[in-house]
Amino acid sequence: MSTSESTATAPEEQQPQSQWRPIGEAVGAGDVPVEVIESLCLNCHEQGETRMLLTVIPYFREVIVCSFRCEHCGHTNNEIQSAGEIQPLGAIYTVKCTDRDDLNRQLVKSESCTISIPEYQLTIPAGRGQFTTIEGVLADTIRDLEHDQPLRKIQHPELHEKIQDLVAKLRVIVPNVEAAPGGADDEPTASTSAEATAPMPNFTLKLDDPSGNSFVETRGGLQDPKWSKREYGRDKAQDEALGLKHDEEQDKSTSHYPEEILSFPGVCSLCGSELETLMKKVNIPHFKDIILMSTNCHDCGYRDNEVKSGGAISAKGRKITLKVEDTDDLSRDILKSETAGLTIPEIDLELNPGTLGGRFTTLEGLLQQVYEELDEKVFARGDASERGVTDEMATFLGNLKKAMAVEMPFTVVLDDPLANSYIQNTWAPDPDPNLVEEDYERDHLQNEELGLNDINTENYGHVEVPEGGENASSATAAAAPDAKQEVKPIVQA
């Protein structure tokens, strides 16, 4: 881009003390310094005009808003550039759009940001920076996809049909988008008034920016229940793409033990053959470390999987309550330890601690395991069972199947006295409106069942011997037979 002159629209004597002003104050203000630069138009190769505004976005940082317009051909282009440094960590912003008001959220997309909509398997690769709204991103995507559709219809008919289906789904969300110039297809694309007022399907918008310089507007501050942010460390490829030197020393100092799969020999409990049990330490985000154990006998085919807690015993128990309202809740990760009990009051399902052992799966997978265990292994069918018991079991399994299909809302209660169980919070790190976690003090009976009452955690490796030696110690013990040693239950440090 060639530059021949640069002028400021505001007089020099009226320059504010700071050139970085919030974007809300900058809009409509007459004293905002706007840099005007003559630039080459890449459309007609005449001289156009680029305007640059230095501004600050609330809850974000300084940016440069650039706007180009050519008076000769009418070509326009808008772009946003980050005026700050690359952040130490990358960031992923997630917004759950449930109504059309969410489409008006402002969005900052840097040159390194990738936008994705998982529900439609749509990924918008990194490109030029933009300062727009969610609706603007979807509208630009529709126009870009429709631009070469006539050519795709001839050269790649299958690809044309897939893109046409995707465009039709996006037009339900953003119905009032004009077709791209030169991209009109045989299929009707104009939306009707009925489409404009039709309910908008829910979808999730994700911004993944390794530079950390992208942003999505929040409603009501950082406590917005539809908005979440997660930061992560960049890998070597991401640092190189940003032109940064990757810290090799940090990679060398990082312990690789959590990624290592350990194995130890054992004996199959069915056929007695020798086998190996694999063990791996896994970290569950926003929870703790767990140990996955897998056993597979190559002689008889016996297989078993189990989950063990990888941390200390918690000081309190935990009760987790999840309200299941749609099929998305069935895909939540769930960790049920061997000490946890599971209850679904709506269908009278209650699993005592120890049932199914430790399991790390999804809620749908756990309910499927419960159904298979009851349907295949419970002795309540055939000639040996009473008719009433059989009918009752059939009714129960039918209700369980309805719950697995979410034909009715139900509640899952996971009660673990050791607090080693977990249900995924899809809103993390923000509170989940359908998930409630309650910590409680264990009673004496629970500590007794867990073997915590008789554990001595202090000075258990040291025995004091009186000056008289063993005889004096024996005499002291005989003289005070009722003396009791203070015992404390083990707690998490």
Foldseek 3Di string as FASTA:
>chain_A
DDWDDKDWPADPVLADPDLEEAPVVVVPDPRRTKIKTWDADPPPRDIWIKIWGWYAYPPAGIKIWIWIARPVPGDIDIAIEDPDAQDQWWKKKKFKDFFLVQQQWWKWADQQKKKAWVVLRDIDGGHTIDTGGNLVVLLVVLQVLLQCLVVCCVVPVVVSVSSVVSSVLSCLSVVCHDHHVNRDDPDDRHDDPCSVPDGRDIIMMMMTGRRRRIDIDADPPPQRLRMDMDIDGDDCVNCVVVVHHDDPVVVVPDDCQQVDKDKDWDADPPPRDIWIKIKHWDADPPAGIKIKIWTADPPPGDIDIAIGRPADFAQWWKKKKFKDQAPVQQAWWKWAAQQKWKDWVVLGDIGHRRVVHIDTGGNLVVLVVVLCCLVPPDPADDPVHDPVSVVSSVVSSVVSVCVSNNVDMIMMMMIGGRHRIDIDQPSPPHDRPRMDMDIDGDDPVVCVVVVFQPDAPPCPVPDDADPVGPVVVVVVCVVCVPDDDDGDGDHHD
